[in-house]
Amino acid sequence: MNIVFQVVCQHVEEAAILWLRRDWAMTEPHYTLDDLAKLDGQLDAHLDGLRVAEAAAPAAAWELCREELRWQEPGEVFAAAVLALESAESERLGNVLDLAAASCELSRPLVSALAWLPKELAWQYVPRFLGEHEPGLRRVGIAASAVAGCDPGAVLAESVDDQDELLSARSLRAIGELGRTDLLPALRVHLDDDAERCRCAAAWSAALLSPDDAAVRVLRRVAAEGKERSLAALQLAICRTVAAEARAWLLEFADQDASGVRTAVVGTGILGIVDLVPRLLERMETPALARVAGEAFSMITGVDLAEQDLEGDWPEGFEAGPNDDPADENVEVDPDENLPWPDVAKVKDWWMRHRDEFEPGVRYLCGRPMTEDWLEHVLRYGYQRQRAAAALELAIRRPGTPLFNVKAPGYRQQQLLGLR
């Protein structure tokens, strides 16, 4: 194996790995927009390496990407998609599109690749995908339009009633992301959809675009189920519910099983009222809930546990996530891995000194009431989960405007937010 071949192999592998890392980082509690932009810069450096190899030896560079496609993994699809889209060669595009159209998991990296490209290049493809008969490719076109905040036109309304469930659901979700209040009647029709995926997407978009009681009821049911879509449903249901009623709803969760208690803790951070802080302090005494309760406390008060020396040690004897014991069947990833452990005594002391700075019944995010100016500040400088919460609150306050995409390429977000 010659050195050039080894270098190109490394670029392919690293691009795939870094895409997976950014896919994970977008929803992590310790990543800021600046962190995301730096990670994206590393990823783009390896894509540049592939572009250089492409210019020097096109067949060899693409052949490596094509070979990696055999694994049918998202990171490899992303790297191959960037090269294929930039080359515009039909055979290459066919290799990528065949995989992406057939799989929801593998269409995401294709959409990500389209978002990565300069807009003028990406939009050479998106209208084509929107006009395809194949529902998987139309789904890619609608998703690419939604993440870019660009209206796909009449095809969006046409696709919500498509017989392909994945296409219908993605179209229903895009209505909310794009702020298409004119399509609220179509969303309401699907609130009783037999397909859970479509019903959830319709409820999410309808609740984002308007104070729709029927949509909120659907979201509450989804949130109570504790499934994949429950967190998004919980967040929007709380945002669209009067604070006192939302507080009572969260207390109902707290009277359920361990999963319900955790949901109540997460929801407390979303709701943002200090009335429930004493309960968060109680939850910090339980190791399984301590870190997520600490995050909820930070979401409300704005205090950074690590920076303000309120961080404690891992409790002796407590285990979370998989371990090195091959006989242990627990293979679930620790959901709170990147959250700090609160030192409960120090956090309680901080709260006793600062609680009079907060007004009961008022919703706070990162230490201040949720005014539009403050939400915009959090969108610029907060952590990813805080930024996502701020983007959602701003979209609710500005009906008819697209939801800001906190997962877009970092440099592009910085440009939109006036940070570069």
Protein backbone atom coordinates (compact mmCIF):
# COMPACT_ATOMS: atom_id res chain seq x y z
CA MET A 1 0.00 0.00 0.00
CA ASN A 2 1.61 3.30 -1.03
CA ILE A 3 1.67 6.36 1.20
CA VAL A 4 -0.80 8.34 -0.94
CA PHE A 5 -3.31 5.51 -0.75
CA GLN A 6 -2.85 5.34 3.03
CA VAL A 7 -3.46 9.08 3.34
CA VAL A 8 -6.64 8.93 1.26
CA CYS A 9 -7.85 5.97 3.33
CA GLN A 10 -7.28 8.02 6.47
CA HIS A 11 -9.26 10.95 5.08
CA VAL A 12 -12.20 8.65 4.24
CA GLU A 13 -12.16 7.00 7.66
CA GLU A 14 -11.71 10.23 9.62
CA ALA A 15 -14.44 12.02 7.67
CA ALA A 16 -16.86 9.19 8.49
CA ILE A 17 -15.86 9.13 12.16
CA LEU A 18 -16.05 12.91 12.56
CA TRP A 19 -19.50 13.04 10.95
CA LEU A 20 -20.71 10.49 13.50
CA ARG A 21 -19.11 12.55 16.26
CA ARG A 22 -20.87 15.73 15.15
CA ASP A 23 -24.14 13.81 14.78
CA TRP A 24 -23.75 12.84 18.44
CA ALA A 25 -22.47 16.27 19.55
CA MET A 26 -25.47 18.19 18.20
CA THR A 27 -27.63 17.12 21.15
CA GLU A 28 -24.96 16.88 23.84
CA PRO A 29 -25.05 19.12 26.94
CA HIS A 30 -21.40 20.24 26.85
CA TYR A 31 -21.12 21.48 23.23
CA THR A 32 -21.46 25.16 22.33
CA LEU A 33 -21.82 26.56 18.82
CA ASP A 34 -18.13 27.43 18.92
CA ASP A 35 -17.29 23.82 19.79
CA LEU A 36 -19.50 22.58 16.97
CA ALA A 37 -17.85 24.94 14.48
CA LYS A 38 -14.39 23.67 15.50
CA LEU A 39 -15.52 20.07 15.06
CA ASP A 40 -16.97 20.94 11.67
CA GLY A 41 -13.64 22.52 10.73
CA GLN A 42 -11.86 19.24 11.48
CA LEU A 43 -14.39 17.35 9.40
CA ASP A 44 -14.05 19.78 6.51
CA ALA A 45 -10.25 19.42 6.61
CA HIS A 46 -10.59 15.72 5.83
CA LEU A 47 -13.15 16.44 3.13
CA ASP A 48 -10.61 18.86 1.65
CA GLY A 49 -8.09 16.02 1.69
CA LEU A 50 -10.51 13.94 -0.34
CA ARG A 51 -11.08 16.84 -2.71
CA VAL A 52 -7.32 17.15 -3.29
CA ALA A 53 -7.07 13.42 -3.91
CA GLU A 54 -10.07 13.68 -6.21
CA ALA A 55 -8.29 16.30 -8.28
CA ALA A 56 -5.08 14.24 -8.46
CA ALA A 57 -6.56 10.78 -8.96
CA PRO A 58 -10.38 10.90 -9.27
CA ALA A 59 -10.92 7.19 -9.81
CA ALA A 60 -8.82 6.14 -6.81
CA ALA A 61 -10.39 8.59 -4.35
CA TRP A 62 -13.94 7.71 -5.36
CA GLU A 63 -13.20 3.98 -5.40
CA LEU A 64 -12.24 4.14 -1.72
CA CYS A 65 -15.47 5.96 -0.89
CA ARG A 66 -17.49 3.51 -2.95
CA GLU A 67 -15.84 0.56 -1.22
CA GLU A 68 -16.77 2.00 2.17
CA LEU A 69 -20.41 2.22 1.10
CA ARG A 70 -20.62 -1.54 1.34
CA TRP A 71 -20.84 -1.18 5.13
CA GLN A 72 -24.02 0.89 4.73
CA GLU A 73 -23.06 3.13 7.65
CA PRO A 74 -24.09 6.81 7.94
CA GLY A 75 -20.60 8.30 8.25
CA GLU A 76 -19.37 6.56 5.13
CA VAL A 77 -22.50 7.60 3.23
CA PHE A 78 -21.88 11.23 4.18
CA ALA A 79 -18.29 11.23 2.89
CA ALA A 80 -19.29 9.50 -0.35
CA ALA A 81 -22.28 11.80 -0.79
CA VAL A 82 -20.15 14.94 -0.60
CA LEU A 83 -17.81 13.67 -3.31
CA ALA A 84 -20.66 12.39 -5.47
CA LEU A 85 -22.65 15.61 -5.26
CA GLU A 86 -19.61 17.77 -5.98
CA SER A 87 -18.61 15.66 -8.97
CA ALA A 88 -22.16 15.47 -10.40
CA GLU A 89 -21.28 12.12 -11.98
CA SER A 90 -24.44 10.07 -12.45
CA GLU A 91 -22.90 6.71 -11.54
CA ARG A 92 -21.58 8.04 -8.25
CA LEU A 93 -24.87 9.71 -7.42
CA GLY A 94 -26.67 6.48 -8.21
CA ASN A 95 -24.50 4.56 -5.72
CA VAL A 96 -25.38 7.01 -2.95
CA LEU A 97 -29.03 7.60 -3.84
CA ASP A 98 -29.83 3.89 -4.00
CA LEU A 99 -28.78 3.55 -0.36
CA ALA A 100 -30.28 6.81 0.89
CA ALA A 101 -33.70 6.36 -0.73
CA ALA A 102 -34.18 2.94 0.82
CA SER A 103 -33.28 3.81 4.42
CA CYS A 104 -34.30 6.56 6.83
CA GLU A 105 -31.01 6.13 8.68
CA LEU A 106 -28.96 6.50 5.51
CA SER A 107 -30.97 9.38 4.06
CA ARG A 108 -29.89 11.59 7.00
CA PRO A 109 -26.22 11.73 5.95
CA LEU A 110 -27.29 12.57 2.38
CA VAL A 111 -29.39 15.45 3.70
CA SER A 112 -26.42 16.46 5.85
CA ALA A 113 -24.16 16.41 2.78
CA LEU A 114 -26.59 18.67 0.91
CA ALA A 115 -26.58 21.04 3.90
CA TRP A 116 -22.78 20.98 3.87
CA LEU A 117 -22.49 22.15 0.27
CA PRO A 118 -22.70 25.81 -0.79
CA LYS A 119 -26.37 26.63 -1.25
CA GLU A 120 -26.05 27.30 -4.98
CA LEU A 121 -24.59 23.81 -5.49
CA ALA A 122 -27.05 22.02 -3.22
CA TRP A 123 -29.96 23.66 -4.99
CA GLN A 124 -28.89 22.11 -8.25
CA TYR A 125 -30.08 18.83 -6.71
CA VAL A 126 -32.91 19.62 -4.28
CA PRO A 127 -35.53 20.58 -6.92
CA ARG A 128 -34.67 17.39 -8.78
CA PHE A 129 -35.25 15.28 -5.68
CA LEU A 130 -38.53 17.09 -4.96
CA GLY A 131 -39.74 16.15 -8.43
CA GLU A 132 -38.81 12.47 -8.19
CA HIS A 133 -41.48 9.77 -8.23
CA GLU A 134 -39.47 7.71 -5.72
CA PRO A 135 -40.82 8.73 -2.27
CA GLY A 136 -37.45 8.21 -0.60
CA LEU A 137 -35.83 10.85 -2.80
CA ARG A 138 -38.73 13.26 -2.34
CA ARG A 139 -38.28 12.78 1.40
CA VAL A 140 -34.63 13.76 1.00
CA GLY A 141 -35.64 16.86 -0.96
CA ILE A 142 -38.17 17.96 1.65
CA ALA A 143 -35.75 17.28 4.51
CA ALA A 144 -32.99 19.23 2.77
CA SER A 145 -35.38 22.13 2.23
CA ALA A 146 -36.48 22.09 5.87
CA VAL A 147 -32.99 22.03 7.39
CA ALA A 148 -31.98 24.91 5.11
CA GLY A 149 -35.13 26.90 5.96
CA CYS A 150 -36.16 27.02 2.28
CA ASP A 151 -39.77 26.42 1.25
CA PRO A 152 -40.02 23.49 -1.20
CA GLY A 153 -43.26 24.86 -2.66
CA ALA A 154 -46.40 22.97 -3.63
CA VAL A 155 -44.79 19.54 -3.23
CA LEU A 156 -44.88 19.96 0.56
CA ALA A 157 -48.68 20.15 0.74
CA GLU A 158 -48.96 17.31 -1.80
CA SER A 159 -46.67 15.02 0.17
CA VAL A 160 -48.42 15.14 3.54
CA ASP A 161 -51.07 12.75 2.24
CA ASP A 162 -48.68 10.42 0.43
CA GLN A 163 -49.19 6.71 0.99
CA ASP A 164 -45.52 6.40 1.93
CA GLU A 165 -45.56 6.87 5.72
CA LEU A 166 -41.98 8.13 5.98
CA LEU A 167 -42.55 10.77 3.30
CA SER A 168 -45.83 11.86 4.84
CA ALA A 169 -44.32 12.15 8.33
CA ARG A 170 -41.28 14.09 7.13
CA SER A 171 -43.53 16.48 5.24
CA LEU A 172 -45.73 17.02 8.27
CA ARG A 173 -42.66 17.79 10.37
CA ALA A 174 -41.29 20.16 7.72
CA ILE A 175 -44.47 22.25 7.86
CA GLY A 176 -43.61 23.19 11.43
CA GLU A 177 -39.90 23.64 10.79
CA LEU A 178 -40.64 26.02 7.92
CA GLY A 179 -43.33 27.99 9.74
CA ARG A 180 -46.04 27.18 7.17
CA THR A 181 -49.05 28.38 9.17
CA ASP A 182 -51.14 28.23 5.99
CA LEU A 183 -50.95 24.43 6.17
CA LEU A 184 -52.36 24.14 9.69
CA PRO A 185 -55.62 22.58 8.38
CA ALA A 186 -53.60 19.74 6.80
CA LEU A 187 -51.82 19.15 10.11
CA ARG A 188 -55.07 18.95 12.05
CA VAL A 189 -56.41 16.29 9.69
CA HIS A 190 -53.45 14.09 10.64
CA LEU A 191 -53.81 14.45 14.41
CA ASP A 192 -55.90 11.26 14.27
CA ASP A 193 -53.65 9.50 11.76
CA ASP A 194 -53.45 5.73 12.22
CA ALA A 195 -49.67 5.88 11.72
CA GLU A 196 -48.00 6.94 14.97
CA ARG A 197 -45.09 8.55 13.15
CA CYS A 198 -47.42 10.80 11.15
CA ARG A 199 -49.65 11.57 14.12
CA CYS A 200 -46.66 12.69 16.21
CA ALA A 201 -45.21 14.81 13.40
CA ALA A 202 -48.56 16.51 12.79
CA ALA A 203 -49.04 17.24 16.48
CA TRP A 204 -45.52 18.60 16.85
CA SER A 205 -45.88 20.97 13.91
CA ALA A 206 -49.41 22.06 14.82
CA ALA A 207 -48.37 22.87 18.39
CA LEU A 208 -45.28 24.74 17.17
CA LEU A 209 -47.34 26.91 14.82
CA SER A 210 -50.33 27.60 17.06
CA PRO A 211 -51.74 27.09 20.58
CA ASP A 212 -53.63 23.99 19.41
CA ASP A 213 -55.18 22.11 22.36
CA ALA A 214 -55.80 18.95 20.32
CA ALA A 215 -52.17 18.84 19.23
CA VAL A 216 -50.95 19.35 22.79
CA ARG A 217 -53.12 16.45 23.97
CA VAL A 218 -51.46 14.20 21.40
CA LEU A 219 -48.01 15.38 22.50
CA ARG A 220 -48.84 14.71 26.13
CA ARG A 221 -49.78 11.14 25.33
CA VAL A 222 -46.56 10.67 23.38
CA ALA A 223 -44.51 12.18 26.21
CA ALA A 224 -46.07 9.77 28.70
CA GLU A 225 -45.10 6.74 26.61
CA GLY A 226 -41.37 7.26 27.11
CA LYS A 227 -40.48 6.30 23.54
CA GLU A 228 -38.09 7.76 20.97
CA ARG A 229 -40.22 10.83 20.22
CA SER A 230 -41.18 11.49 23.84
CA LEU A 231 -38.59 14.16 24.64
CA ALA A 232 -39.53 16.36 21.68
CA ALA A 233 -43.20 15.89 22.55
CA LEU A 234 -42.58 16.71 26.21
CA GLN A 235 -40.67 19.89 25.37
CA LEU A 236 -43.27 21.35 23.04
CA ALA A 237 -46.23 20.27 25.18
CA ILE A 238 -44.73 22.16 28.13
CA CYS A 239 -43.98 25.23 26.02
CA ARG A 240 -47.60 25.34 24.88
CA THR A 241 -49.13 24.83 28.34
CA VAL A 242 -49.83 27.48 30.97
CA ALA A 243 -47.09 27.26 33.61
CA ALA A 244 -49.38 26.32 36.50
CA GLU A 245 -51.01 23.53 34.48
CA ALA A 246 -47.65 22.28 33.23
CA ARG A 247 -46.38 22.20 36.81
CA ALA A 248 -49.31 20.02 37.87
CA TRP A 249 -48.74 17.73 34.88
CA LEU A 250 -45.08 17.26 35.79
CA LEU A 251 -46.01 16.41 39.36
CA GLU A 252 -48.18 13.60 37.98
CA PHE A 253 -45.08 12.17 36.26
CA ALA A 254 -43.18 12.38 39.52
CA ASP A 255 -45.70 10.02 41.14
CA GLN A 256 -45.03 7.30 38.54
CA ASP A 257 -42.15 4.86 38.04
CA ALA A 258 -38.45 5.71 37.68
CA SER A 259 -38.93 6.66 34.05
CA GLY A 260 -41.74 9.03 34.99
CA VAL A 261 -39.64 10.66 37.69
CA ARG A 262 -36.83 11.27 35.20
CA THR A 263 -39.34 12.75 32.75
CA ALA A 264 -40.54 15.10 35.49
CA VAL A 265 -36.95 16.20 36.17
CA VAL A 266 -36.24 16.91 32.50
CA GLY A 267 -39.58 18.66 32.13
CA THR A 268 -38.82 20.87 35.14
CA GLY A 269 -35.78 22.24 33.32
CA ILE A 270 -37.88 22.85 30.20
CA LEU A 271 -40.65 24.60 32.13
CA GLY A 272 -38.12 26.85 33.83
CA ILE A 273 -40.05 28.01 36.89
CA VAL A 274 -38.23 28.19 40.21
CA ASP A 275 -41.26 26.86 42.09
CA LEU A 276 -39.97 23.32 41.41
CA VAL A 277 -36.31 23.93 42.29
CA PRO A 278 -36.73 22.39 45.80
CA ARG A 279 -37.80 19.15 44.12
CA LEU A 280 -34.73 19.26 41.88
CA LEU A 281 -32.54 19.62 44.96
CA GLU A 282 -34.23 16.52 46.39
CA ARG A 283 -33.62 14.56 43.17
CA MET A 284 -29.92 15.43 43.30
CA GLU A 285 -29.72 13.16 46.37
CA THR A 286 -30.52 10.17 44.13
CA PRO A 287 -27.46 9.12 42.06
CA ALA A 288 -29.50 7.96 39.07
CA LEU A 289 -31.15 11.39 38.84
CA ALA A 290 -28.44 13.67 40.24
CA ARG A 291 -26.81 14.75 36.98
CA VAL A 292 -30.01 15.30 35.00
CA ALA A 293 -31.43 17.21 37.97
CA GLY A 294 -28.27 19.31 37.95
CA GLU A 295 -28.77 20.06 34.26
CA ALA A 296 -32.39 21.09 34.90
CA PHE A 297 -31.19 23.36 37.72
CA SER A 298 -28.69 24.96 35.33
CA MET A 299 -31.34 25.36 32.62
CA ILE A 300 -33.43 27.40 35.04
CA THR A 301 -30.82 29.33 37.03
CA GLY A 302 -28.00 29.65 34.48
CA VAL A 303 -25.41 28.46 36.99
CA ASP A 304 -22.63 26.31 35.45
CA LEU A 305 -21.90 23.64 38.05
CA ALA A 306 -18.39 22.93 36.79
CA GLU A 307 -17.32 26.55 36.31
CA GLN A 308 -18.71 27.74 39.65
CA ASP A 309 -17.18 24.93 41.70
CA LEU A 310 -20.50 23.26 42.45
CA GLU A 311 -19.38 19.93 41.03
CA GLY A 312 -19.04 16.82 43.17
CA ASP A 313 -17.56 13.33 42.78
CA TRP A 314 -18.99 10.17 41.28
CA PRO A 315 -20.87 8.39 44.11
CA GLU A 316 -19.10 5.32 45.42
CA GLY A 317 -20.69 2.10 44.22
CA PHE A 318 -22.95 3.74 41.62
CA GLU A 319 -22.78 2.33 38.08
CA ALA A 320 -24.32 3.74 34.91
CA GLY A 321 -24.03 2.46 31.36
CA PRO A 322 -22.09 -0.64 30.25
CA ASN A 323 -19.04 -1.87 32.15
CA ASP A 324 -16.15 -4.26 31.50
CA ASP A 325 -17.97 -7.32 32.85
CA PRO A 326 -18.82 -9.61 29.87
CA ALA A 327 -21.53 -11.27 31.97
CA ASP A 328 -23.35 -7.97 32.53
CA GLU A 329 -26.22 -7.63 30.04
CA ASN A 330 -26.47 -3.85 30.48
CA VAL A 331 -25.31 -2.35 27.18
CA GLU A 332 -27.22 0.94 27.34
CA VAL A 333 -25.12 4.09 27.05
CA ASP A 334 -25.10 6.33 30.12
CA PRO A 335 -27.52 9.13 29.07
CA ASP A 336 -25.89 11.58 31.49
CA GLU A 337 -22.28 10.76 30.66
CA ASN A 338 -21.27 14.34 29.86
CA LEU A 339 -23.15 16.06 32.67
CA PRO A 340 -21.34 17.16 35.84
CA TRP A 341 -22.11 15.59 39.20
CA PRO A 342 -23.64 18.22 41.48
CA ASP A 343 -22.26 18.68 44.97
CA VAL A 344 -25.67 18.81 46.61
CA ALA A 345 -24.58 20.74 49.71
CA LYS A 346 -22.87 23.42 47.60
CA VAL A 347 -25.80 23.66 45.19
CA LYS A 348 -28.25 24.05 48.06
CA ASP A 349 -26.08 26.76 49.57
CA TRP A 350 -25.93 28.57 46.21
CA TRP A 351 -29.70 28.40 45.91
CA MET A 352 -30.25 29.76 49.42
CA ARG A 353 -28.07 32.77 48.55
CA HIS A 354 -29.65 33.46 45.14
CA ARG A 355 -33.27 32.30 45.27
CA ASP A 356 -34.62 35.80 45.98
CA GLU A 357 -33.27 36.86 42.57
CA PHE A 358 -35.95 34.74 40.87
CA GLU A 359 -39.69 35.34 40.71
CA PRO A 360 -42.05 32.38 41.23
CA GLY A 361 -44.25 31.46 38.26
CA VAL A 362 -41.97 33.13 35.71
CA ARG A 363 -40.31 30.93 33.10
CA TYR A 364 -36.52 31.20 33.06
CA LEU A 365 -33.87 29.89 30.69
CA CYS A 366 -30.22 30.01 31.75
CA GLY A 367 -30.90 32.44 34.57
CA ARG A 368 -33.12 35.05 32.93
CA PRO A 369 -36.78 35.37 31.93
CA MET A 370 -37.51 34.17 28.38
CA THR A 371 -37.57 37.48 26.56
CA GLU A 372 -36.80 37.38 22.84
CA ASP A 373 -33.53 39.27 23.36
CA TRP A 374 -32.37 36.77 25.96
CA LEU A 375 -33.44 33.78 23.87
CA GLU A 376 -31.35 35.14 21.00
CA HIS A 377 -28.38 35.46 23.38
CA VAL A 378 -28.76 31.83 24.45
CA LEU A 379 -29.04 30.81 20.80
CA ARG A 380 -25.64 32.41 20.21
CA TYR A 381 -23.73 31.41 23.32
CA GLY A 382 -25.53 28.58 25.12
CA TYR A 383 -24.88 24.85 25.06
CA GLN A 384 -26.58 22.81 22.36
CA ARG A 385 -29.56 21.67 24.46
CA GLN A 386 -30.06 25.20 25.73
CA ARG A 387 -29.76 26.55 22.18
CA ALA A 388 -32.38 24.09 20.94
CA ALA A 389 -34.74 25.20 23.71
CA ALA A 390 -34.17 28.86 22.81
CA ALA A 391 -34.78 28.20 19.11
CA LEU A 392 -38.07 26.47 19.90
CA GLU A 393 -39.24 29.29 22.16
CA LEU A 394 -38.37 31.88 19.50
CA ALA A 395 -40.27 29.96 16.82
CA ILE A 396 -43.35 29.89 19.05
CA ARG A 397 -43.10 33.63 19.58
CA ARG A 398 -42.64 34.27 15.85
CA PRO A 399 -45.32 32.25 14.04
CA GLY A 400 -44.73 31.97 10.33
CA THR A 401 -40.93 32.04 10.58
CA PRO A 402 -38.71 28.95 10.15
CA LEU A 403 -37.32 27.20 13.22
CA PHE A 404 -33.63 28.03 13.59
CA ASN A 405 -31.62 24.90 12.86
CA VAL A 406 -29.08 24.41 15.68
CA LYS A 407 -27.73 21.34 13.86
CA ALA A 408 -26.67 23.16 10.69
CA PRO A 409 -22.96 23.51 9.83
CA GLY A 410 -21.39 25.61 12.57
CA TYR A 411 -19.89 28.31 10.37
CA ARG A 412 -23.26 28.81 8.65
CA GLN A 413 -25.03 29.21 11.99
CA GLN A 414 -22.40 31.72 13.06
CA GLN A 415 -22.98 33.72 9.88
CA LEU A 416 -26.75 33.75 10.41
CA LEU A 417 -26.30 34.86 14.02
CA GLY A 418 -23.82 37.60 13.15
CA LEU A 419 -20.91 35.88 14.88
CA ARG A 420 -18.56 35.89 11.90
